[in-house]
Amino acid sequence: MSLATILAAQQGGRTFQLSDRVTVEKVTFKNRYGIELAGDLYIPKNGGNQLPALAISGPFGAVKEQSSGLYANQMAERGFIALAFDPSYTGESGGEPRNVASPDINTEDFSAAIDFLGLQENVDRNQLGIIGICGFGGFALNATAVDKRVKAVATTSMYDMSRVIAEGYFGSTTPAQRTKMLEEMSLQRWEDAKNGTPKYPENGLGQTNEKSPQFVKDYYDYYKTERGFHPRSINSNGAWTATSGLSFMNMPLLTYIKEISPRPILIIAGEKAHSRYFSEDAYKMASEPKELMIIPGAVHVDLYDRTDVIPFDKLASFFTENLNKNPNP
């Protein structure tokens, strides 16, 4: 058994230390497609009733015992009930086959979390917000645009998964390369149908070496070492299906981002993050009220778990100020 697995087991499966001011309950709830999602509900020990609540998920390919749980733990310390959950087809959540992503279903997962939170006796359903980390930042914005029960949304190290899968980083994918990708995934469908099971490539981060881009090395440093490894995490210990990207190729996530207004948006990114442009472009696309916060010197994965870098007090003040401004429709 690896040191990372031992450490995870010692901390109740979490890659971080649980606050002594917070309790955690294991919960399950179903989304609109009937998939049962697994979550950890973080509750302030001295919080009282009718508290504001947050649904938290991400990064893309992570589980609730990693970044989203850390965020939930920190926000519960600051007086919020916080639900960190595993998205459909991943972690302890249901859905077959395993390790599949979808812009529609992953957006729905956030709304299902809002369903659950709004039914809890100790939650004020007029004060519900969302935090999306990395790839789930895009899903968080998409969910908030369509789900008017969400009163405020924040993202950290946001990825627009549809954009990066369809276009590559900074739009680097050529039309010929896009066509080749689609041809390969289309043909793979026949192989999967014949075999009765999807193809799973090797874990991508497992191929990291000295020639890899720095941001890939940064991912490795989080997911593949004691820092953030978790055996159920796709990025730590698995891979998305070979055809998972099909769902994203023609489905722009942020088409209706302007419809979040007049509800507020807080977008947080690292100054040196390779993904910073996703956050800056989303900020430009959104309507007021909106705020872009750039963390000096930070890279993408610093906002996964560096509690001395992630602006949790800013997140707390943002949601405290904004969650109770607008009654539910």
C-alpha atoms as a PDB file:
ATOM      1  CA  MET A   1       0.000   0.000   0.000  1.00  0.00           C
ATOM      2  CA  SER A   2       1.396   3.395  -0.979  1.00  0.00           C
ATOM      3  CA  LEU A   3       2.062   6.175   1.513  1.00  0.00           C
ATOM      4  CA  ALA A   4      -0.599   8.275  -0.215  1.00  0.00           C
ATOM      5  CA  THR A   5      -3.226   5.574   0.275  1.00  0.00           C
ATOM      6  CA  ILE A   6      -2.264   5.188   3.930  1.00  0.00           C
ATOM      7  CA  LEU A   7      -2.486   8.926   4.507  1.00  0.00           C
ATOM      8  CA  ALA A   8      -5.859   9.077   2.778  1.00  0.00           C
ATOM      9  CA  ALA A   9      -7.182   6.242   4.932  1.00  0.00           C
ATOM     10  CA  GLN A  10      -5.939   7.937   8.096  1.00  0.00           C
ATOM     11  CA  GLN A  11      -7.864  11.099   7.250  1.00  0.00           C
ATOM     12  CA  GLY A  12     -11.168   9.396   6.461  1.00  0.00           C
ATOM     13  CA  GLY A  13     -10.303   9.213   2.778  1.00  0.00           C
ATOM     14  CA  ARG A  14      -9.575  12.940   2.544  1.00  0.00           C
ATOM     15  CA  THR A  15      -6.361  14.464   1.247  1.00  0.00           C
ATOM     16  CA  PHE A  16      -6.603  17.279   3.807  1.00  0.00           C
ATOM     17  CA  GLN A  17      -7.173  17.649   7.543  1.00  0.00           C
ATOM     18  CA  LEU A  18     -10.787  17.993   8.681  1.00  0.00           C
ATOM     19  CA  SER A  19     -11.429  21.071  10.839  1.00  0.00           C
ATOM     20  CA  ASP A  20     -12.389  20.429  14.455  1.00  0.00           C
ATOM     21  CA  ARG A  21     -15.082  23.101  13.982  1.00  0.00           C
ATOM     22  CA  VAL A  22     -16.845  21.116  11.268  1.00  0.00           C
ATOM     23  CA  THR A  23     -18.813  17.873  11.081  1.00  0.00           C
ATOM     24  CA  VAL A  24     -19.236  15.787   7.918  1.00  0.00           C
ATOM     25  CA  GLU A  25     -22.195  13.649   6.865  1.00  0.00           C
ATOM     26  CA  LYS A  26     -22.162  11.181   3.988  1.00  0.00           C
ATOM     27  CA  VAL A  27     -25.165  11.884   1.753  1.00  0.00           C
ATOM     28  CA  THR A  28     -26.674  10.702  -1.516  1.00  0.00           C
ATOM     29  CA  PHE A  29     -29.136  12.346  -3.898  1.00  0.00           C
ATOM     30  CA  LYS A  30     -30.335  11.794  -7.451  1.00  0.00           C
ATOM     31  CA  ASN A  31     -30.033  14.057 -10.446  1.00  0.00           C
ATOM     32  CA  ARG A  32     -32.690  14.591 -13.103  1.00  0.00           C
ATOM     33  CA  TYR A  33     -31.390  11.611 -15.060  1.00  0.00           C
ATOM     34  CA  GLY A  34     -31.836   9.241 -12.122  1.00  0.00           C
ATOM     35  CA  ILE A  35     -28.116   8.926 -11.375  1.00  0.00           C
ATOM     36  CA  GLU A  36     -27.382   8.710  -7.663  1.00  0.00           C
ATOM     37  CA  LEU A  37     -24.684  11.148  -6.594  1.00  0.00           C
ATOM     38  CA  ALA A  38     -22.527  10.773  -3.499  1.00  0.00           C
ATOM     39  CA  GLY A  39     -21.565  13.783  -1.438  1.00  0.00           C
ATOM     40  CA  ASP A  40     -20.008  14.906   1.816  1.00  0.00           C
ATOM     41  CA  LEU A  41     -22.046  17.529   3.645  1.00  0.00           C
ATOM     42  CA  TYR A  42     -19.831  19.836   5.745  1.00  0.00           C
ATOM     43  CA  ILE A  43     -21.693  21.554   8.590  1.00  0.00           C
ATOM     44  CA  PRO A  44     -20.433  24.192  11.042  1.00  0.00           C
ATOM     45  CA  LYS A  45     -20.594  22.742  14.563  1.00  0.00           C
ATOM     46  CA  ASN A  46     -21.974  25.969  16.030  1.00  0.00           C
ATOM     47  CA  GLY A  47     -23.775  27.246  12.963  1.00  0.00           C
ATOM     48  CA  GLY A  48     -27.427  27.092  13.996  1.00  0.00           C
ATOM     49  CA  ASN A  49     -30.343  26.810  11.588  1.00  0.00           C
ATOM     50  CA  GLN A  50     -31.303  28.402   8.270  1.00  0.00           C
ATOM     51  CA  LEU A  51     -27.728  28.767   7.115  1.00  0.00           C
ATOM     52  CA  PRO A  52     -26.514  29.744   3.650  1.00  0.00           C
ATOM     53  CA  ALA A  53     -25.309  26.755   1.648  1.00  0.00           C
ATOM     54  CA  LEU A  54     -22.904  26.042  -1.200  1.00  0.00           C
ATOM     55  CA  ALA A  55     -22.637  23.256  -3.778  1.00  0.00           C
ATOM     56  CA  ILE A  56     -18.990  22.585  -4.650  1.00  0.00           C
ATOM     57  CA  SER A  57     -17.359  20.319  -7.220  1.00  0.00           C
ATOM     58  CA  GLY A  58     -14.208  19.919  -9.282  1.00  0.00           C
ATOM     59  CA  PRO A  59     -11.572  19.804 -10.515  1.00  0.00           C
ATOM     60  CA  PHE A  60     -12.339  17.859 -13.687  1.00  0.00           C
ATOM     61  CA  GLY A  61     -11.312  14.273 -12.968  1.00  0.00           C
ATOM     62  CA  ALA A  62     -11.049  14.760  -9.192  1.00  0.00           C
ATOM     63  CA  VAL A  63     -13.167  13.423  -6.325  1.00  0.00           C
ATOM     64  CA  LYS A  64     -14.845  15.011  -3.315  1.00  0.00           C
ATOM     65  CA  GLU A  65     -12.022  13.920  -1.011  1.00  0.00           C
ATOM     66  CA  GLN A  66      -9.648  16.243  -2.870  1.00  0.00           C
ATOM     67  CA  SER A  67     -10.079  19.965  -3.666  1.00  0.00           C
ATOM     68  CA  SER A  68     -13.857  20.255  -3.423  1.00  0.00           C
ATOM     69  CA  GLY A  69     -13.825  18.723   0.046  1.00  0.00           C
ATOM     70  CA  LEU A  70     -11.052  21.066   1.134  1.00  0.00           C
ATOM     71  CA  TYR A  71     -13.097  24.021  -0.108  1.00  0.00           C
ATOM     72  CA  ALA A  72     -16.202  22.720   1.661  1.00  0.00           C
ATOM     73  CA  ASN A  73     -14.245  22.282   4.888  1.00  0.00           C
ATOM     74  CA  GLN A  74     -12.921  25.838   4.703  1.00  0.00           C
ATOM     75  CA  MET A  75     -16.300  27.354   3.863  1.00  0.00           C
ATOM     76  CA  ALA A  76     -18.012  25.428   6.667  1.00  0.00           C
ATOM     77  CA  GLU A  77     -15.452  26.908   9.063  1.00  0.00           C
ATOM     78  CA  ARG A  78     -16.727  30.293   7.870  1.00  0.00           C
ATOM     79  CA  GLY A  79     -20.386  29.540   8.592  1.00  0.00           C
ATOM     80  CA  PHE A  80     -21.693  27.910   5.414  1.00  0.00           C
ATOM     81  CA  ILE A  81     -23.163  24.478   4.958  1.00  0.00           C
ATOM     82  CA  ALA A  82     -21.160  23.094   2.055  1.00  0.00           C
ATOM     83  CA  LEU A  83     -21.820  20.065  -0.117  1.00  0.00           C
ATOM     84  CA  ALA A  84     -18.816  18.566  -1.929  1.00  0.00           C
ATOM     85  CA  PHE A  85     -19.942  15.893  -4.367  1.00  0.00           C
ATOM     86  CA  ASP A  86     -18.640  13.401  -6.885  1.00  0.00           C
ATOM     87  CA  PRO A  87     -20.005  14.094 -10.386  1.00  0.00           C
ATOM     88  CA  SER A  88     -21.955  11.446 -12.287  1.00  0.00           C
ATOM     89  CA  TYR A  89     -19.966   8.413 -13.438  1.00  0.00           C
ATOM     90  CA  THR A  90     -17.035   9.196 -11.121  1.00  0.00           C
ATOM     91  CA  GLY A  91     -15.889   8.573  -7.559  1.00  0.00           C
ATOM     92  CA  GLU A  92     -18.588   7.104  -5.332  1.00  0.00           C
ATOM     93  CA  SER A  93     -21.413   8.426  -7.503  1.00  0.00           C
ATOM     94  CA  GLY A  94     -23.422   6.177  -9.784  1.00  0.00           C
ATOM     95  CA  GLY A  95     -23.596   5.910 -13.537  1.00  0.00           C
ATOM     96  CA  GLU A  96     -22.314   3.376 -16.044  1.00  0.00           C
ATOM     97  CA  PRO A  97     -19.927   3.134 -17.768  1.00  0.00           C
ATOM     98  CA  ARG A  98     -17.421   4.694 -15.432  1.00  0.00           C
ATOM     99  CA  ASN A  99     -15.327   7.796 -16.102  1.00  0.00           C
ATOM    100  CA  VAL A 100     -17.622   9.534 -18.578  1.00  0.00           C
ATOM    101  CA  ALA A 101     -18.112  13.318 -18.698  1.00  0.00           C
ATOM    102  CA  SER A 102     -20.902  15.371 -20.253  1.00  0.00           C
ATOM    103  CA  PRO A 103     -21.468  19.134 -20.364  1.00  0.00           C
ATOM    104  CA  ASP A 104     -25.187  18.538 -19.898  1.00  0.00           C
ATOM    105  CA  ILE A 105     -25.076  15.925 -17.143  1.00  0.00           C
ATOM    106  CA  ASN A 106     -22.268  17.616 -15.219  1.00  0.00           C
ATOM    107  CA  THR A 107     -24.207  20.887 -15.342  1.00  0.00           C
ATOM    108  CA  GLU A 108     -27.255  18.996 -14.086  1.00  0.00           C
ATOM    109  CA  ASP A 109     -25.193  17.568 -11.226  1.00  0.00           C
ATOM    110  CA  PHE A 110     -24.872  21.078  -9.770  1.00  0.00           C
ATOM    111  CA  SER A 111     -28.616  21.656  -9.976  1.00  0.00           C
ATOM    112  CA  ALA A 112     -29.226  18.277  -8.328  1.00  0.00           C
ATOM    113  CA  ALA A 113     -26.970  19.424  -5.482  1.00  0.00           C
ATOM    114  CA  ILE A 114     -29.085  22.581  -5.219  1.00  0.00           C
ATOM    115  CA  ASP A 115     -32.194  20.356  -5.093  1.00  0.00           C
ATOM    116  CA  PHE A 116     -30.683  18.494  -2.153  1.00  0.00           C
ATOM    117  CA  LEU A 117     -29.510  21.561  -0.254  1.00  0.00           C
ATOM    118  CA  GLY A 118     -32.856  23.313  -0.615  1.00  0.00           C
ATOM    119  CA  LEU A 119     -34.614  20.424   1.123  1.00  0.00           C
ATOM    120  CA  GLN A 120     -32.424  20.452   4.243  1.00  0.00           C
ATOM    121  CA  GLU A 121     -34.087  21.834   7.377  1.00  0.00           C
ATOM    122  CA  ASN A 122     -30.957  23.687   8.478  1.00  0.00           C
ATOM    123  CA  VAL A 123     -30.486  25.404   5.082  1.00  0.00           C
ATOM    124  CA  ASP A 124     -32.037  28.687   3.944  1.00  0.00           C
ATOM    125  CA  ARG A 125     -33.028  27.855   0.368  1.00  0.00           C
ATOM    126  CA  ASN A 126     -33.019  31.579  -0.453  1.00  0.00           C
ATOM    127  CA  GLN A 127     -29.245  31.597   0.154  1.00  0.00           C
ATOM    128  CA  LEU A 128     -27.776  29.004  -2.183  1.00  0.00           C
ATOM    129  CA  GLY A 129     -24.546  29.405  -4.132  1.00  0.00           C
ATOM    130  CA  ILE A 130     -22.087  27.397  -6.215  1.00  0.00           C
ATOM    131  CA  ILE A 131     -18.302  27.090  -6.321  1.00  0.00           C
ATOM    132  CA  GLY A 132     -16.793  25.392  -9.373  1.00  0.00           C
ATOM    133  CA  ILE A 133     -13.106  24.440  -9.433  1.00  0.00           C
ATOM    134  CA  CYS A 134     -11.108  23.978 -12.648  1.00  0.00           C
ATOM    135  CA  GLY A 135     -13.288  22.258 -15.284  1.00  0.00           C
ATOM    136  CA  PHE A 136     -16.271  22.440 -12.989  1.00  0.00           C
ATOM    137  CA  GLY A 137     -15.966  26.215 -13.098  1.00  0.00           C
ATOM    138  CA  GLY A 138     -17.457  26.141 -16.588  1.00  0.00           C
ATOM    139  CA  PHE A 139     -20.214  23.772 -15.476  1.00  0.00           C
ATOM    140  CA  ALA A 140     -20.887  26.024 -12.469  1.00  0.00           C
ATOM    141  CA  LEU A 141     -21.400  29.065 -14.701  1.00  0.00           C
ATOM    142  CA  ASN A 142     -23.601  27.071 -17.058  1.00  0.00           C
ATOM    143  CA  ALA A 143     -25.697  25.739 -14.169  1.00  0.00           C
ATOM    144  CA  THR A 144     -26.131  29.199 -12.670  1.00  0.00           C
ATOM    145  CA  ALA A 145     -27.255  30.619 -16.012  1.00  0.00           C
ATOM    146  CA  VAL A 146     -30.081  28.092 -16.265  1.00  0.00           C
ATOM    147  CA  ASP A 147     -30.944  27.544 -12.576  1.00  0.00           C
ATOM    148  CA  LYS A 148     -32.407  30.710 -11.109  1.00  0.00           C
ATOM    149  CA  ARG A 149     -32.355  29.293  -7.570  1.00  0.00           C
ATOM    150  CA  VAL A 150     -28.599  29.904  -7.469  1.00  0.00           C
ATOM    151  CA  LYS A 151     -27.981  33.385  -6.066  1.00  0.00           C
ATOM    152  CA  ALA A 152     -24.229  33.724  -6.620  1.00  0.00           C
ATOM    153  CA  VAL A 153     -21.433  31.748  -8.259  1.00  0.00           C
ATOM    154  CA  ALA A 154     -17.657  31.652  -7.893  1.00  0.00           C
ATOM    155  CA  THR A 155     -15.022  29.838  -9.916  1.00  0.00           C
ATOM    156  CA  THR A 156     -11.359  29.142  -9.238  1.00  0.00           C
ATOM    157  CA  SER A 157      -8.763  28.104 -11.852  1.00  0.00           C
ATOM    158  CA  MET A 158     -11.640  27.819 -14.313  1.00  0.00           C
ATOM    159  CA  TYR A 159     -11.450  25.679 -17.430  1.00  0.00           C
ATOM    160  CA  ASP A 160     -13.999  25.893 -20.232  1.00  0.00           C
ATOM    161  CA  MET A 161     -13.965  22.169 -20.994  1.00  0.00           C
ATOM    162  CA  SER A 162     -15.961  22.445 -24.208  1.00  0.00           C
ATOM    163  CA  ARG A 163     -13.573  25.034 -25.555  1.00  0.00           C
ATOM    164  CA  VAL A 164     -10.342  23.260 -24.659  1.00  0.00           C
ATOM    165  CA  ILE A 165     -11.518  19.862 -25.910  1.00  0.00           C
ATOM    166  CA  ALA A 166     -12.948  21.248 -29.152  1.00  0.00           C
ATOM    167  CA  GLU A 167     -10.257  23.839 -29.915  1.00  0.00           C
ATOM    168  CA  GLY A 168      -7.157  22.958 -27.893  1.00  0.00           C
ATOM    169  CA  TYR A 169      -5.267  25.446 -25.743  1.00  0.00           C
ATOM    170  CA  PHE A 170      -5.471  28.964 -27.164  1.00  0.00           C
ATOM    171  CA  GLY A 171      -7.385  27.632 -30.178  1.00  0.00           C
ATOM    172  CA  SER A 172      -4.376  25.642 -31.374  1.00  0.00           C
ATOM    173  CA  THR A 173      -6.332  22.717 -32.854  1.00  0.00           C
ATOM    174  CA  THR A 174      -6.506  22.998 -36.639  1.00  0.00           C
ATOM    175  CA  PRO A 175      -9.610  21.984 -38.632  1.00  0.00           C
ATOM    176  CA  ALA A 176      -7.698  18.946 -39.894  1.00  0.00           C
ATOM    177  CA  GLN A 177      -6.749  17.929 -36.352  1.00  0.00           C
ATOM    178  CA  ARG A 178     -10.334  18.374 -35.188  1.00  0.00           C
ATOM    179  CA  THR A 179     -11.584  16.206 -38.036  1.00  0.00           C
ATOM    180  CA  LYS A 180      -9.042  13.511 -37.149  1.00  0.00           C
ATOM    181  CA  MET A 181     -10.107  13.560 -33.492  1.00  0.00           C
ATOM    182  CA  LEU A 182     -13.745  13.164 -34.459  1.00  0.00           C
ATOM    183  CA  GLU A 183     -12.960  10.374 -36.904  1.00  0.00           C
ATOM    184  CA  GLU A 184     -10.996   8.469 -34.270  1.00  0.00           C
ATOM    185  CA  MET A 185     -13.709   8.798 -31.634  1.00  0.00           C
ATOM    186  CA  SER A 186     -16.422   7.914 -34.145  1.00  0.00           C
ATOM    187  CA  LEU A 187     -14.626   4.718 -35.168  1.00  0.00           C
ATOM    188  CA  GLN A 188     -13.928   3.887 -31.519  1.00  0.00           C
ATOM    189  CA  ARG A 189     -17.685   3.764 -30.951  1.00  0.00           C
ATOM    190  CA  TRP A 190     -17.878   0.673 -33.199  1.00  0.00           C
ATOM    191  CA  GLU A 191     -15.083  -0.963 -31.224  1.00  0.00           C
ATOM    192  CA  ASP A 192     -16.801  -0.178 -27.938  1.00  0.00           C
ATOM    193  CA  ALA A 193     -20.137  -1.434 -29.260  1.00  0.00           C
ATOM    194  CA  LYS A 194     -18.520  -4.674 -30.465  1.00  0.00           C
ATOM    195  CA  ASN A 195     -16.669  -5.222 -27.194  1.00  0.00           C
ATOM    196  CA  GLY A 196     -19.556  -4.199 -24.967  1.00  0.00           C
ATOM    197  CA  THR A 197     -17.248  -2.005 -22.899  1.00  0.00           C
ATOM    198  CA  PRO A 198     -15.559   1.359 -23.553  1.00  0.00           C
ATOM    199  CA  LYS A 199     -11.860   1.755 -24.156  1.00  0.00           C
ATOM    200  CA  TYR A 200      -9.877   3.392 -21.371  1.00  0.00           C
ATOM    201  CA  PRO A 201      -6.494   4.904 -22.323  1.00  0.00           C
ATOM    202  CA  GLU A 202      -3.577   4.851 -19.916  1.00  0.00           C
ATOM    203  CA  ASN A 203      -3.513   7.451 -17.170  1.00  0.00           C
ATOM    204  CA  GLY A 204      -2.134  10.518 -18.955  1.00  0.00           C
ATOM    205  CA  LEU A 205      -0.258  11.956 -15.993  1.00  0.00           C
ATOM    206  CA  GLY A 206       1.561   8.666 -15.617  1.00  0.00           C
ATOM    207  CA  GLN A 207       3.488   9.544 -18.788  1.00  0.00           C
ATOM    208  CA  THR A 208       4.825  12.827 -17.358  1.00  0.00           C
ATOM    209  CA  ASN A 209       8.565  13.361 -17.805  1.00  0.00           C
ATOM    210  CA  GLU A 210      11.164  16.126 -17.897  1.00  0.00           C
ATOM    211  CA  LYS A 211      10.058  17.175 -21.384  1.00  0.00           C
ATOM    212  CA  SER A 212       6.425  17.647 -20.344  1.00  0.00           C
ATOM    213  CA  PRO A 213       5.015  21.194 -20.143  1.00  0.00           C
ATOM    214  CA  GLN A 214       5.328  22.771 -16.709  1.00  0.00           C
ATOM    215  CA  PHE A 215       1.563  22.814 -16.135  1.00  0.00           C
ATOM    216  CA  VAL A 216       1.467  19.029 -16.717  1.00  0.00           C
ATOM    217  CA  LYS A 217       4.249  18.621 -14.159  1.00  0.00           C
ATOM    218  CA  ASP A 218       2.157  20.755 -11.800  1.00  0.00           C
ATOM    219  CA  TYR A 219      -0.812  18.427 -12.289  1.00  0.00           C
ATOM    220  CA  TYR A 220       1.458  15.445 -11.601  1.00  0.00           C
ATOM    221  CA  ASP A 221       2.693  17.110  -8.406  1.00  0.00           C
ATOM    222  CA  TYR A 222      -0.887  17.318  -7.154  1.00  0.00           C
ATOM    223  CA  TYR A 223      -2.575  14.155  -8.400  1.00  0.00           C
ATOM    224  CA  LYS A 224       0.255  11.613  -8.431  1.00  0.00           C
ATOM    225  CA  THR A 225       2.050  12.391  -5.168  1.00  0.00           C
ATOM    226  CA  GLU A 226       1.138  12.354  -1.481  1.00  0.00           C
ATOM    227  CA  ARG A 227       0.015  15.950  -1.859  1.00  0.00           C
ATOM    228  CA  GLY A 228      -3.297  15.110  -3.526  1.00  0.00           C
ATOM    229  CA  PHE A 229      -3.351  11.466  -4.675  1.00  0.00           C
ATOM    230  CA  HIS A 230      -6.624   9.605  -4.197  1.00  0.00           C
ATOM    231  CA  PRO A 231      -7.275   6.101  -5.510  1.00  0.00           C
ATOM    232  CA  ARG A 232     -10.765   6.989  -6.809  1.00  0.00           C
ATOM    233  CA  SER A 233      -9.587  10.109  -8.643  1.00  0.00           C
ATOM    234  CA  ILE A 234      -9.501   9.683 -12.427  1.00  0.00           C
ATOM    235  CA  ASN A 235      -6.497  11.997 -12.683  1.00  0.00           C
ATOM    236  CA  SER A 236      -4.657  10.106  -9.947  1.00  0.00           C
ATOM    237  CA  ASN A 237      -5.477   6.565 -10.886  1.00  0.00           C
ATOM    238  CA  GLY A 238      -7.488   6.211 -14.103  1.00  0.00           C
ATOM    239  CA  ALA A 239      -8.603   7.773 -17.380  1.00  0.00           C
ATOM    240  CA  TRP A 240     -11.693   9.094 -19.104  1.00  0.00           C
ATOM    241  CA  THR A 241     -13.167   6.806 -21.742  1.00  0.00           C
ATOM    242  CA  ALA A 242     -11.618   7.225 -25.181  1.00  0.00           C
ATOM    243  CA  THR A 243     -14.907   8.680 -26.511  1.00  0.00           C
ATOM    244  CA  SER A 244     -15.742  10.944 -23.564  1.00  0.00           C
ATOM    245  CA  GLY A 245     -14.661  14.051 -25.493  1.00  0.00           C
ATOM    246  CA  LEU A 246     -17.433  13.604 -28.074  1.00  0.00           C
ATOM    247  CA  SER A 247     -19.958  15.254 -25.768  1.00  0.00           C
ATOM    248  CA  PHE A 248     -17.949  18.471 -25.680  1.00  0.00           C
ATOM    249  CA  MET A 249     -17.019  18.979 -29.326  1.00  0.00           C
ATOM    250  CA  ASN A 250     -20.211  20.793 -30.372  1.00  0.00           C
ATOM    251  CA  MET A 251     -21.574  22.039 -27.023  1.00  0.00           C
ATOM    252  CA  PRO A 252     -20.260  25.499 -26.018  1.00  0.00           C
ATOM    253  CA  LEU A 253     -20.749  25.795 -22.263  1.00  0.00           C
ATOM    254  CA  LEU A 254     -20.787  29.561 -21.835  1.00  0.00           C
ATOM    255  CA  THR A 255     -23.262  30.525 -24.569  1.00  0.00           C
ATOM    256  CA  TYR A 256     -25.718  32.014 -22.085  1.00  0.00           C
ATOM    257  CA  ILE A 257     -23.335  33.320 -19.427  1.00  0.00           C
ATOM    258  CA  LYS A 258     -24.904  36.790 -19.675  1.00  0.00           C
ATOM    259  CA  GLU A 259     -28.133  35.318 -18.264  1.00  0.00           C
ATOM    260  CA  ILE A 260     -26.470  34.923 -14.870  1.00  0.00           C
ATOM    261  CA  SER A 261     -26.963  38.663 -14.394  1.00  0.00           C
ATOM    262  CA  PRO A 262     -28.167  40.301 -12.143  1.00  0.00           C
ATOM    263  CA  ARG A 263     -26.746  37.587  -9.894  1.00  0.00           C
ATOM    264  CA  PRO A 264     -23.059  38.160  -9.089  1.00  0.00           C
ATOM    265  CA  ILE A 265     -20.056  36.243 -10.401  1.00  0.00           C
ATOM    266  CA  LEU A 266     -16.623  35.981  -8.757  1.00  0.00           C
ATOM    267  CA  ILE A 267     -13.884  34.556 -10.995  1.00  0.00           C
ATOM    268  CA  ILE A 268     -10.529  33.728  -9.388  1.00  0.00           C
ATOM    269  CA  ALA A 269      -7.387  32.723 -11.274  1.00  0.00           C
ATOM    270  CA  GLY A 270      -3.667  32.485 -10.673  1.00  0.00           C
ATOM    271  CA  GLU A 271      -1.438  35.122 -12.245  1.00  0.00           C
ATOM    272  CA  LYS A 272       0.863  32.459 -13.704  1.00  0.00           C
ATOM    273  CA  ALA A 273      -1.788  29.839 -14.446  1.00  0.00           C
ATOM    274  CA  HIS A 274      -1.734  28.379 -17.960  1.00  0.00           C
ATOM    275  CA  SER A 275      -5.552  28.461 -17.729  1.00  0.00           C
ATOM    276  CA  ARG A 276      -5.804  32.133 -16.799  1.00  0.00           C
ATOM    277  CA  TYR A 277      -7.192  33.100 -20.215  1.00  0.00           C
ATOM    278  CA  PHE A 278     -10.308  30.974 -19.674  1.00  0.00           C
ATOM    279  CA  SER A 279     -11.168  33.065 -16.615  1.00  0.00           C
ATOM    280  CA  GLU A 280     -10.364  36.357 -18.308  1.00  0.00           C
ATOM    281  CA  ASP A 281     -12.465  35.490 -21.351  1.00  0.00           C
ATOM    282  CA  ALA A 282     -15.403  34.323 -19.220  1.00  0.00           C
ATOM    283  CA  TYR A 283     -15.198  37.585 -17.290  1.00  0.00           C
ATOM    284  CA  LYS A 284     -15.350  39.559 -20.542  1.00  0.00           C
ATOM    285  CA  MET A 285     -18.354  37.553 -21.719  1.00  0.00           C
ATOM    286  CA  ALA A 286     -20.342  37.941 -18.486  1.00  0.00           C
ATOM    287  CA  SER A 287     -22.584  40.853 -17.582  1.00  0.00           C
ATOM    288  CA  GLU A 288     -22.373  42.880 -14.389  1.00  0.00           C
ATOM    289  CA  PRO A 289     -22.171  42.365 -11.468  1.00  0.00           C
ATOM    290  CA  LYS A 290     -18.901  40.498 -11.890  1.00  0.00           C
ATOM    291  CA  GLU A 291     -15.431  40.482 -10.408  1.00  0.00           C
ATOM    292  CA  LEU A 292     -12.137  39.030 -11.631  1.00  0.00           C
ATOM    293  CA  MET A 293      -9.540  38.331  -8.947  1.00  0.00           C
ATOM    294  CA  ILE A 294      -5.995  37.448 -10.040  1.00  0.00           C
ATOM    295  CA  ILE A 295      -3.812  35.834  -7.357  1.00  0.00           C
ATOM    296  CA  PRO A 296      -0.222  37.119  -7.656  1.00  0.00           C
ATOM    297  CA  GLY A 297       2.355  34.447  -8.458  1.00  0.00           C
ATOM    298  CA  ALA A 298      -0.119  31.551  -8.340  1.00  0.00           C
ATOM    299  CA  VAL A 299      -0.234  28.723 -10.865  1.00  0.00           C
ATOM    300  CA  HIS A 300      -3.304  26.689 -11.763  1.00  0.00           C
ATOM    301  CA  VAL A 301      -2.990  23.939  -9.146  1.00  0.00           C
ATOM    302  CA  ASP A 302      -2.153  26.349  -6.329  1.00  0.00           C
ATOM    303  CA  LEU A 303      -5.892  27.022  -6.165  1.00  0.00           C
ATOM    304  CA  TYR A 304      -6.578  23.316  -5.623  1.00  0.00           C
ATOM    305  CA  ASP A 305      -5.181  23.036  -2.105  1.00  0.00           C
ATOM    306  CA  ARG A 306      -2.867  25.870  -1.051  1.00  0.00           C
ATOM    307  CA  THR A 307      -4.848  27.289   1.851  1.00  0.00           C
ATOM    308  CA  ASP A 308      -2.364  30.140   2.153  1.00  0.00           C
ATOM    309  CA  VAL A 309      -3.049  31.096  -1.479  1.00  0.00           C
ATOM    310  CA  ILE A 310      -6.752  30.405  -2.021  1.00  0.00           C
ATOM    311  CA  PRO A 311      -8.701  33.529  -0.932  1.00  0.00           C
ATOM    312  CA  PHE A 312     -11.242  31.781   1.300  1.00  0.00           C
ATOM    313  CA  ASP A 313     -12.029  34.949   3.248  1.00  0.00           C
ATOM    314  CA  LYS A 314     -12.841  36.663  -0.050  1.00  0.00           C
ATOM    315  CA  LEU A 315     -15.101  33.771  -1.041  1.00  0.00           C
ATOM    316  CA  ALA A 316     -16.843  33.980   2.332  1.00  0.00           C
ATOM    317  CA  SER A 317     -17.420  37.723   2.113  1.00  0.00           C
ATOM    318  CA  PHE A 318     -18.619  37.408  -1.505  1.00  0.00           C
ATOM    319  CA  PHE A 319     -21.270  34.847  -0.641  1.00  0.00           C
ATOM    320  CA  THR A 320     -22.226  36.482   2.668  1.00  0.00           C
ATOM    321  CA  GLU A 321     -22.855  39.762   0.866  1.00  0.00           C
ATOM    322  CA  ASN A 322     -24.711  38.354  -2.116  1.00  0.00           C
ATOM    323  CA  LEU A 323     -26.659  35.226  -1.229  1.00  0.00           C
ATOM    324  CA  ASN A 324     -29.503  36.948   0.556  1.00  0.00           C
ATOM    325  CA  LYS A 325     -30.043  39.797  -1.906  1.00  0.00           C
ATOM    326  CA  ASN A 326     -32.566  38.195  -4.235  1.00  0.00           C
ATOM    327  CA  PRO A 327     -35.538  36.008  -3.239  1.00  0.00           C
ATOM    328  CA  ASN A 328     -36.144  32.802  -5.120  1.00  0.00           C
ATOM    329  CA  PRO A 329     -38.303  33.077  -8.257  1.00  0.00           C
END
